[in-house]
Amino acid sequence: WHHLYPDNVTEAVSSSMLKMKQTAYSNLLVLTLYRVQLENAGKYVCMAESREDGGLVKAETFVHVEAMVPPTLRVGLVDQTVDASNTTSMSLPCRADGVPSPEIRWFRDGEEMAGDVAGIQLEEGGERLVVERISAEDAGIYMCEAVNRAGDVSSNGTVTIEGLPLAVQGLMSRD
């Protein structure tokens, strides 16, 4: 096996990466890449001599390597107070970078939130949680979690709701 680099340099693959398997009809030379790095990407060529006619037989394969980067938060949650007398909805942003692109999951008071619940929408690919028609039960500790194959990161923020009608405030103080 040989590794062909983009600049047309060819390098023999280390014998520690090769394993020979023999059968009655053929020899099989298996290439195994351990602890793959970006520089392992490229074309690999195996050449062998045919037992039948002595001609050269060539097999090629291409290895694509994608770097994986754990998520990092560009925008996380912060503690905030929402004045329900001035607005009917709230929006919580959570933006993350990573490779592959992380999935954003949302939680309130430890329970995962889905975007298909009435009055709750996940926008911008899940990077924004929008709560329509704010009520007393929307107060709590929110967490957004960004997850990909390389890792995860999370952010927490406490949401306090103010300015609710007195009857609703009385119900909140009974908890």
Protein backbone atom coordinates (compact mmCIF):
# COMPACT_ATOMS: atom_id res chain seq x y z
CA TRP A 1 0.00 0.00 0.00
CA HIS A 2 1.09 3.54 -0.80
CA HIS A 3 -0.38 6.88 0.30
CA LEU A 4 -0.60 9.48 -2.46
CA TYR A 5 -0.60 13.02 -1.08
CA PRO A 6 -2.24 15.98 -2.86
CA ASP A 7 1.16 17.31 -3.97
CA ASN A 8 1.79 14.00 -5.85
CA VAL A 9 4.25 12.73 -3.24
CA THR A 10 3.95 8.98 -2.71
CA GLU A 11 4.88 7.30 0.55
CA ALA A 12 4.89 3.61 1.43
CA VAL A 13 2.53 2.80 4.26
CA SER A 14 4.15 1.53 7.46
CA SER A 15 4.11 -2.27 7.77
CA SER A 16 2.56 -1.86 11.26
CA MET A 17 -0.64 -0.72 9.48
CA LEU A 18 -0.79 -3.82 7.26
CA LYS A 19 -2.07 -7.30 7.92
CA MET A 20 -1.72 -10.22 5.50
CA LYS A 21 -4.49 -12.80 5.12
CA GLN A 22 -3.92 -15.79 2.85
CA THR A 23 -6.43 -18.17 1.34
CA ALA A 24 -5.96 -21.06 -1.10
CA TYR A 25 -6.68 -18.73 -4.01
CA SER A 26 -5.46 -15.31 -2.97
CA ASN A 27 -3.48 -13.09 -0.67
CA LEU A 28 -5.26 -10.24 1.03
CA LEU A 29 -3.33 -7.26 2.35
CA VAL A 30 -5.51 -5.24 4.75
CA LEU A 31 -4.66 -1.62 5.54
CA THR A 32 -5.84 -0.38 8.93
CA LEU A 33 -5.48 3.26 9.96
CA TYR A 34 -5.25 3.82 13.72
CA ARG A 35 -5.86 7.15 15.46
CA VAL A 36 -6.80 8.81 12.20
CA GLN A 37 -5.56 12.37 11.71
CA LEU A 38 -6.38 14.93 9.01
CA GLU A 39 -3.10 14.12 7.26
CA ASN A 40 -4.32 10.52 6.75
CA ALA A 41 -6.82 11.78 4.17
CA GLY A 42 -6.07 11.05 0.53
CA LYS A 43 -5.74 8.31 -2.02
CA TYR A 44 -4.32 4.91 -1.10
CA VAL A 45 -3.06 2.52 -3.79
CA CYS A 46 -2.30 -1.17 -3.50
CA MET A 47 -0.39 -2.88 -6.32
CA ALA A 48 0.11 -6.63 -6.59
CA GLU A 49 1.41 -9.10 -9.10
CA SER A 50 -1.12 -11.50 -10.57
CA ARG A 51 -0.38 -15.22 -9.95
CA GLU A 52 -1.86 -16.11 -13.32
CA ASP A 53 0.04 -13.94 -15.75
CA GLY A 54 2.48 -11.89 -13.66
CA GLY A 55 0.75 -8.64 -14.63
CA LEU A 56 0.27 -5.79 -12.19
CA VAL A 57 -3.09 -5.39 -10.52
CA LYS A 58 -3.92 -2.08 -8.88
CA ALA A 59 -6.62 -1.17 -6.36
CA GLU A 60 -7.29 2.39 -5.21
CA THR A 61 -9.39 3.86 -2.44
CA PHE A 62 -9.89 7.36 -1.14
CA VAL A 63 -10.03 8.15 2.57
CA HIS A 64 -11.97 11.26 3.60
CA VAL A 65 -11.18 12.57 7.09
CA GLU A 66 -13.42 15.11 8.78
CA ALA A 67 -12.10 16.91 11.83
CA MET A 68 -14.44 16.72 14.79
CA VAL A 69 -14.59 19.74 17.06
CA PRO A 70 -16.58 19.70 20.31
CA PRO A 71 -19.33 22.31 20.55
CA THR A 72 -18.60 25.76 21.97
CA LEU A 73 -21.26 28.32 22.79
CA ARG A 74 -21.27 31.62 20.88
CA VAL A 75 -24.39 32.76 22.73
CA GLY A 76 -25.55 31.16 25.96
CA LEU A 77 -28.41 31.71 28.38
CA VAL A 78 -28.45 34.41 31.05
CA ASP A 79 -30.74 35.05 34.00
CA GLN A 80 -33.57 37.32 32.95
CA THR A 81 -36.80 38.83 34.13
CA VAL A 82 -39.68 38.98 31.67
CA ASP A 83 -42.33 41.67 32.23
CA ALA A 84 -45.57 39.98 31.18
CA SER A 85 -47.43 43.32 31.34
CA ASN A 86 -45.33 44.60 28.38
CA THR A 87 -44.96 41.48 26.22
CA THR A 88 -46.81 38.26 25.45
CA SER A 89 -43.83 36.15 24.38
CA MET A 90 -40.18 35.55 25.19
CA SER A 91 -37.23 34.41 23.10
CA LEU A 92 -34.15 32.59 24.42
CA PRO A 93 -31.10 32.31 22.12
CA CYS A 94 -28.49 29.55 22.28
CA ARG A 95 -25.94 29.50 19.48
CA ALA A 96 -23.13 26.98 19.18
CA ASP A 97 -20.29 26.10 16.84
CA GLY A 98 -18.66 22.70 16.30
CA VAL A 99 -17.90 20.05 13.70
CA PRO A 100 -20.14 18.39 12.88
CA SER A 101 -22.74 21.11 13.56
CA PRO A 102 -24.17 20.54 17.02
CA GLU A 103 -27.79 19.73 17.75
CA ILE A 104 -29.41 22.07 20.29
CA ARG A 105 -31.65 20.57 22.98
CA TRP A 106 -33.73 22.59 25.42
CA PHE A 107 -34.73 21.85 29.03
CA ARG A 108 -36.86 23.65 31.64
CA ASP A 109 -36.42 22.62 35.26
CA GLY A 110 -34.61 19.46 34.09
CA GLU A 111 -37.33 18.32 31.67
CA GLU A 112 -36.56 18.25 27.95
CA MET A 113 -38.73 20.59 25.90
CA ALA A 114 -39.98 19.77 22.42
CA GLY A 115 -40.78 22.31 19.74
CA ASP A 116 -44.08 20.65 18.94
CA VAL A 117 -45.77 21.67 22.19
CA ALA A 118 -48.52 24.29 21.87
CA GLY A 119 -47.10 27.75 22.47
CA ILE A 120 -43.43 26.71 22.18
CA GLN A 121 -41.44 26.99 18.97
CA LEU A 122 -37.86 26.11 18.15
CA GLU A 123 -36.54 28.48 15.49
CA GLU A 124 -33.28 28.94 13.60
CA GLY A 125 -32.48 25.23 13.66
CA GLY A 126 -33.20 24.99 17.38
CA GLU A 127 -30.91 27.90 18.26
CA ARG A 128 -33.83 30.00 19.50
CA LEU A 129 -36.60 28.92 21.87
CA VAL A 130 -39.72 31.06 21.56
CA VAL A 131 -42.47 30.87 24.19
CA GLU A 132 -45.72 32.42 23.03
CA ARG A 133 -48.41 33.54 25.47
CA ILE A 134 -46.24 33.79 28.60
CA SER A 135 -47.75 32.33 31.75
CA ALA A 136 -46.62 31.72 35.31
CA GLU A 137 -45.53 28.17 34.45
CA ASP A 138 -42.93 29.53 31.99
CA ALA A 139 -40.77 30.70 34.90
CA GLY A 140 -37.92 28.36 35.83
CA ILE A 141 -34.38 27.29 35.11
CA TYR A 142 -33.78 26.87 31.38
CA MET A 143 -30.86 24.97 29.93
CA CYS A 144 -29.70 24.67 26.35
CA GLU A 145 -27.33 21.86 25.45
CA ALA A 146 -25.30 21.68 22.25
CA VAL A 147 -24.29 18.11 21.32
CA ASN A 148 -22.27 16.50 18.52
CA ARG A 149 -20.15 13.33 18.21
CA ALA A 150 -17.13 15.17 19.65
CA GLY A 151 -18.81 16.31 22.87
CA ASP A 152 -21.34 18.61 24.46
CA VAL A 153 -21.65 21.95 26.24
CA SER A 154 -24.55 23.57 28.08
CA SER A 155 -25.71 26.89 29.46
CA ASN A 156 -28.27 27.70 32.17
CA GLY A 157 -30.40 30.74 32.86
CA THR A 158 -33.21 31.47 35.32
CA VAL A 159 -36.32 33.10 33.89
CA THR A 160 -38.50 35.09 36.28
CA ILE A 161 -41.93 36.26 35.17
CA GLU A 162 -43.22 39.61 36.51
CA GLY A 163 -46.24 41.75 35.72
CA LEU A 164 -48.78 38.94 35.73
CA PRO A 165 -52.35 39.78 36.86
CA LEU A 166 -52.77 39.60 40.66
CA ALA A 167 -54.92 36.44 40.45
CA VAL A 168 -52.10 34.64 38.62
CA GLN A 169 -49.47 35.96 41.07
CA GLY A 170 -51.53 34.54 43.96
CA LEU A 171 -51.52 31.13 42.30
CA MET A 172 -47.71 31.34 41.89
CA SER A 173 -47.14 32.13 45.59
CA ARG A 174 -49.02 28.96 46.70
CA ASP A 175 -46.23 26.66 45.39
